[in-house]
C-alpha atoms as a PDB file:
ATOM      1  CA  UNK A   1      -5.116  55.657  40.927  1.00  0.00           C
ATOM      2  CA  UNK A   2      -7.986  54.025  38.844  1.00  0.00           C
ATOM      3  CA  UNK A   3      -6.443  51.786  35.890  1.00  0.00           C
ATOM      4  CA  UNK A   4      -8.161  50.049  33.026  1.00  0.00           C
ATOM      5  CA  UNK A   5      -7.228  46.858  31.024  1.00  0.00           C
ATOM      6  CA  UNK A   6      -8.476  45.194  28.170  1.00  0.00           C
ATOM      7  CA  UNK A   7      -8.306  41.385  27.221  1.00  0.00           C
ATOM      8  CA  UNK A   8      -8.971  39.312  24.143  1.00  0.00           C
ATOM      9  CA  UNK A   9      -8.963  35.517  23.791  1.00  0.00           C
ATOM     10  CA  UNK A  10     -10.196  32.859  21.021  1.00  0.00           C
ATOM     11  CA  UNK A  11     -10.539  29.402  20.850  1.00  0.00           C
ATOM     12  CA  UNK A  12     -11.336  26.832  18.044  1.00  0.00           C
ATOM     13  CA  UNK A  13     -13.829  24.193  18.550  1.00  0.00           C
ATOM     14  CA  UNK A  14     -12.771  20.416  18.433  1.00  0.00           C
ATOM     15  CA  UNK A  15     -13.757  17.620  19.714  1.00  0.00           C
ATOM     16  CA  UNK A  16     -16.263  17.104  22.742  1.00  0.00           C
ATOM     17  CA  UNK A  17     -19.635  17.253  24.141  1.00  0.00           C
ATOM     18  CA  UNK A  18     -19.269  20.802  25.964  1.00  0.00           C
ATOM     19  CA  UNK A  19     -16.664  23.604  26.931  1.00  0.00           C
ATOM     20  CA  UNK A  20     -16.410  25.642  29.950  1.00  0.00           C
ATOM     21  CA  UNK A  21     -17.022  29.211  29.528  1.00  0.00           C
ATOM     22  CA  UNK A  22     -17.078  31.743  32.525  1.00  0.00           C
ATOM     23  CA  UNK A  23     -16.431  28.846  34.693  1.00  0.00           C
ATOM     24  CA  UNK A  24     -19.535  26.808  33.721  1.00  0.00           C
ATOM     25  CA  UNK A  25     -20.410  23.946  31.761  1.00  0.00           C
ATOM     26  CA  UNK A  26     -21.821  24.525  28.111  1.00  0.00           C
ATOM     27  CA  UNK A  27     -23.117  21.574  26.699  1.00  0.00           C
ATOM     28  CA  UNK A  28     -22.425  21.843  22.819  1.00  0.00           C
ATOM     29  CA  UNK A  29     -21.757  19.208  20.181  1.00  0.00           C
ATOM     30  CA  UNK A  30     -18.021  20.515  19.759  1.00  0.00           C
ATOM     31  CA  UNK A  31     -15.493  21.223  22.893  1.00  0.00           C
ATOM     32  CA  UNK A  32     -12.754  23.681  22.544  1.00  0.00           C
ATOM     33  CA  UNK A  33      -8.950  23.312  21.869  1.00  0.00           C
ATOM     34  CA  UNK A  34      -6.784  24.741  24.630  1.00  0.00           C
ATOM     35  CA  UNK A  35      -3.844  23.964  26.888  1.00  0.00           C
ATOM     36  CA  UNK A  36      -6.129  24.320  29.908  1.00  0.00           C
ATOM     37  CA  UNK A  37      -9.573  24.091  30.148  1.00  0.00           C
ATOM     38  CA  UNK A  38      -9.935  26.731  26.975  1.00  0.00           C
ATOM     39  CA  UNK A  39     -12.343  28.869  28.893  1.00  0.00           C
ATOM     40  CA  UNK A  40     -11.916  31.937  26.456  1.00  0.00           C
ATOM     41  CA  UNK A  41     -14.133  34.306  28.690  1.00  0.00           C
ATOM     42  CA  UNK A  42     -12.061  33.702  31.823  1.00  0.00           C
ATOM     43  CA  UNK A  43      -8.977  34.075  29.714  1.00  0.00           C
ATOM     44  CA  UNK A  44      -9.904  37.606  28.249  1.00  0.00           C
ATOM     45  CA  UNK A  45     -11.005  38.758  31.734  1.00  0.00           C
ATOM     46  CA  UNK A  46      -7.358  37.781  33.130  1.00  0.00           C
ATOM     47  CA  UNK A  47      -5.649  39.397  30.967  1.00  0.00           C
ATOM     48  CA  UNK A  48      -7.772  42.656  31.093  1.00  0.00           C
ATOM     49  CA  UNK A  49      -7.177  42.524  35.154  1.00  0.00           C
ATOM     50  CA  UNK A  50      -3.422  41.764  34.430  1.00  0.00           C
ATOM     51  CA  UNK A  51      -3.249  44.662  32.082  1.00  0.00           C
ATOM     52  CA  UNK A  52      -5.032  46.938  34.046  1.00  0.00           C
ATOM     53  CA  UNK A  53      -2.564  46.000  37.057  1.00  0.00           C
ATOM     54  CA  UNK A  54       0.168  46.492  34.702  1.00  0.00           C
ATOM     55  CA  UNK A  55       1.108  43.111  35.402  1.00  0.00           C
ATOM     56  CA  UNK A  56       1.728  41.501  31.526  1.00  0.00           C
ATOM     57  CA  UNK A  57      -0.391  38.983  30.410  1.00  0.00           C
ATOM     58  CA  UNK A  58      -2.132  35.342  30.601  1.00  0.00           C
ATOM     59  CA  UNK A  59       1.145  33.826  29.213  1.00  0.00           C
ATOM     60  CA  UNK A  60       3.418  35.283  31.342  1.00  0.00           C
ATOM     61  CA  UNK A  61       1.750  33.999  34.828  1.00  0.00           C
ATOM     62  CA  UNK A  62       0.203  30.986  33.120  1.00  0.00           C
ATOM     63  CA  UNK A  63       2.144  29.706  29.991  1.00  0.00           C
ATOM     64  CA  UNK A  64       0.964  26.860  27.991  1.00  0.00           C
ATOM     65  CA  UNK A  65       4.611  25.371  28.607  1.00  0.00           C
ATOM     66  CA  UNK A  66       4.236  24.811  31.984  1.00  0.00           C
ATOM     67  CA  UNK A  67       2.608  21.392  32.798  1.00  0.00           C
ATOM     68  CA  UNK A  68       0.720  22.285  35.909  1.00  0.00           C
ATOM     69  CA  UNK A  69      -1.719  24.250  33.735  1.00  0.00           C
ATOM     70  CA  UNK A  70      -2.412  21.358  31.548  1.00  0.00           C
ATOM     71  CA  UNK A  71      -6.193  20.693  31.448  1.00  0.00           C
ATOM     72  CA  UNK A  72      -6.473  23.392  34.920  1.00  0.00           C
ATOM     73  CA  UNK A  73      -9.833  25.193  35.129  1.00  0.00           C
ATOM     74  CA  UNK A  74      -9.335  28.552  34.453  1.00  0.00           C
ATOM     75  CA  UNK A  75     -11.229  29.878  37.732  1.00  0.00           C
ATOM     76  CA  UNK A  76      -7.869  29.141  39.345  1.00  0.00           C
ATOM     77  CA  UNK A  77      -6.172  31.885  37.148  1.00  0.00           C
ATOM     78  CA  UNK A  78      -9.095  34.314  38.124  1.00  0.00           C
ATOM     79  CA  UNK A  79      -8.412  33.394  41.759  1.00  0.00           C
ATOM     80  CA  UNK A  80      -4.520  34.265  41.572  1.00  0.00           C
ATOM     81  CA  UNK A  81      -4.811  37.209  39.466  1.00  0.00           C
ATOM     82  CA  UNK A  82      -7.303  38.562  42.142  1.00  0.00           C
ATOM     83  CA  UNK A  83      -4.655  37.526  44.805  1.00  0.00           C
ATOM     84  CA  UNK A  84      -1.758  39.240  42.679  1.00  0.00           C
ATOM     85  CA  UNK A  85      -3.795  42.156  42.561  1.00  0.00           C
ATOM     86  CA  UNK A  86      -4.821  42.321  46.137  1.00  0.00           C
ATOM     87  CA  UNK A  87      -1.114  41.691  47.072  1.00  0.00           C
ATOM     88  CA  UNK A  88       0.001  45.141  45.236  1.00  0.00           C
ATOM     89  CA  UNK A  89      -2.869  46.742  46.916  1.00  0.00           C
ATOM     90  CA  UNK A  90      -5.532  46.896  44.121  1.00  0.00           C
ATOM     91  CA  UNK A  91      -9.352  46.674  44.133  1.00  0.00           C
ATOM     92  CA  UNK A  92     -11.174  45.214  41.428  1.00  0.00           C
ATOM     93  CA  UNK A  93     -14.211  47.544  40.629  1.00  0.00           C
ATOM     94  CA  UNK A  94     -15.855  46.288  37.466  1.00  0.00           C
ATOM     95  CA  UNK A  95     -15.421  43.876  34.701  1.00  0.00           C
ATOM     96  CA  UNK A  96     -17.487  44.010  31.319  1.00  0.00           C
ATOM     97  CA  UNK A  97     -16.982  41.466  29.039  1.00  0.00           C
ATOM     98  CA  UNK A  98     -18.678  40.109  25.593  1.00  0.00           C
ATOM     99  CA  UNK A  99     -18.758  36.464  24.367  1.00  0.00           C
ATOM    100  CA  UNK A 100     -18.964  36.200  20.501  1.00  0.00           C
ATOM    101  CA  UNK A 101     -20.306  33.300  19.333  1.00  0.00           C
ATOM    102  CA  UNK A 102     -22.619  31.887  16.426  1.00  0.00           C
ATOM    103  CA  UNK A 103     -23.671  28.734  18.229  1.00  0.00           C
ATOM    104  CA  UNK A 104     -24.813  27.571  20.971  1.00  0.00           C
ATOM    105  CA  UNK A 105     -26.894  30.182  22.579  1.00  0.00           C
ATOM    106  CA  UNK A 106     -25.646  31.186  26.133  1.00  0.00           C
ATOM    107  CA  UNK A 107     -28.111  33.808  26.925  1.00  0.00           C
ATOM    108  CA  UNK A 108     -29.655  32.026  29.603  1.00  0.00           C
ATOM    109  CA  UNK A 109     -26.209  31.482  31.356  1.00  0.00           C
ATOM    110  CA  UNK A 110     -24.687  34.917  31.260  1.00  0.00           C
ATOM    111  CA  UNK A 111     -26.006  35.210  35.053  1.00  0.00           C
ATOM    112  CA  UNK A 112     -24.434  32.171  36.441  1.00  0.00           C
ATOM    113  CA  UNK A 113     -21.138  32.868  34.616  1.00  0.00           C
ATOM    114  CA  UNK A 114     -20.930  36.369  36.639  1.00  0.00           C
ATOM    115  CA  UNK A 115     -21.927  34.750  39.905  1.00  0.00           C
ATOM    116  CA  UNK A 116     -19.098  32.158  39.182  1.00  0.00           C
ATOM    117  CA  UNK A 117     -16.701  34.458  38.257  1.00  0.00           C
ATOM    118  CA  UNK A 118     -17.503  36.809  40.901  1.00  0.00           C
ATOM    119  CA  UNK A 119     -17.077  34.570  43.507  1.00  0.00           C
ATOM    120  CA  UNK A 120     -13.584  33.080  42.046  1.00  0.00           C
ATOM    121  CA  UNK A 121     -12.568  37.139  42.517  1.00  0.00           C
ATOM    122  CA  UNK A 122     -13.845  37.566  45.503  1.00  0.00           C
ATOM    123  CA  UNK A 123     -16.128  40.316  44.596  1.00  0.00           C
ATOM    124  CA  UNK A 124     -19.726  41.223  44.232  1.00  0.00           C
ATOM    125  CA  UNK A 125     -21.579  39.660  40.886  1.00  0.00           C
ATOM    126  CA  UNK A 126     -23.049  43.080  39.981  1.00  0.00           C
ATOM    127  CA  UNK A 127     -19.328  44.161  39.297  1.00  0.00           C
ATOM    128  CA  UNK A 128     -19.186  41.563  36.614  1.00  0.00           C
ATOM    129  CA  UNK A 129     -21.357  42.365  33.492  1.00  0.00           C
ATOM    130  CA  UNK A 130     -21.071  39.500  30.995  1.00  0.00           C
ATOM    131  CA  UNK A 131     -22.837  40.117  27.311  1.00  0.00           C
ATOM    132  CA  UNK A 132     -23.032  37.912  24.078  1.00  0.00           C
ATOM    133  CA  UNK A 133     -23.439  38.213  20.518  1.00  0.00           C
ATOM    134  CA  UNK A 134     -23.183  36.750  16.760  1.00  0.00           C
ATOM    135  CA  UNK A 135     -21.142  37.755  14.112  1.00  0.00           C
ATOM    136  CA  UNK A 136     -24.380  37.137  11.870  1.00  0.00           C
ATOM    137  CA  UNK A 137     -22.564  34.253  10.333  1.00  0.00           C
ATOM    138  CA  UNK A 138     -19.576  36.341   9.532  1.00  0.00           C
ATOM    139  CA  UNK A 139     -16.059  34.828   9.952  1.00  0.00           C
ATOM    140  CA  UNK A 140     -14.715  32.078  11.939  1.00  0.00           C
ATOM    141  CA  UNK A 141     -17.201  32.641  14.668  1.00  0.00           C
ATOM    142  CA  UNK A 142     -20.230  32.989  12.370  1.00  0.00           C
ATOM    143  CA  UNK A 143     -18.802  29.596  10.426  1.00  0.00           C
ATOM    144  CA  UNK A 144     -19.142  28.191  13.908  1.00  0.00           C
ATOM    145  CA  UNK A 145     -15.197  27.185  14.204  1.00  0.00           C
ATOM    146  CA  UNK A 146     -14.842  28.296  17.382  1.00  0.00           C
ATOM    147  CA  UNK A 147     -15.372  31.757  20.012  1.00  0.00           C
ATOM    148  CA  UNK A 148     -14.258  34.915  20.908  1.00  0.00           C
ATOM    149  CA  UNK A 149     -13.960  36.948  24.012  1.00  0.00           C
ATOM    150  CA  UNK A 150     -13.218  40.491  24.940  1.00  0.00           C
ATOM    151  CA  UNK A 151     -13.125  41.927  28.213  1.00  0.00           C
ATOM    152  CA  UNK A 152     -12.317  45.421  30.050  1.00  0.00           C
ATOM    153  CA  UNK A 153     -11.397  45.733  33.642  1.00  0.00           C
ATOM    154  CA  UNK A 154     -11.623  48.605  36.150  1.00  0.00           C
ATOM    155  CA  UNK A 155      -8.877  48.480  39.064  1.00  0.00           C
ATOM    156  CA  UNK A 156      -8.416  50.989  41.711  1.00  0.00           C
ATOM    157  CA  UNK A 157      -4.906  51.091  43.399  1.00  0.00           C
ATOM    158  CA  UNK A 158      -5.637  54.277  45.792  1.00  0.00           C
END
């Protein structure tokens, strides 16, 4: 059985000199607010994978109420999710995700994000497609108040 899941996450910008996105450090004049490292792209992908696997969501497995996840690198969430899926006999086929933010421009970083996240998932980088877009100055992302990410994941349980 081939199953598909979707994931969405947002994080507000806050104090700092950059943030993690797609498992890599992005230099910027702001950080992001979050319980873990606030990596909205990874959070959306984890939700998509968990959805495809019928395993709930990020908050169920990595709750912000659990102190072990305070300031944790979100790549740990990817590794744990891949292991949960494998335990159930699943194989991750493909991930397609979009980051939505006005600034900073991240286009040159997208291939590195795909490589970093695919390594954490134990899959080929060609199975992870990452895109970026702006909202043409509309909404909270257009006002540079934060960023959002959306993801779709396909997992095979045959």
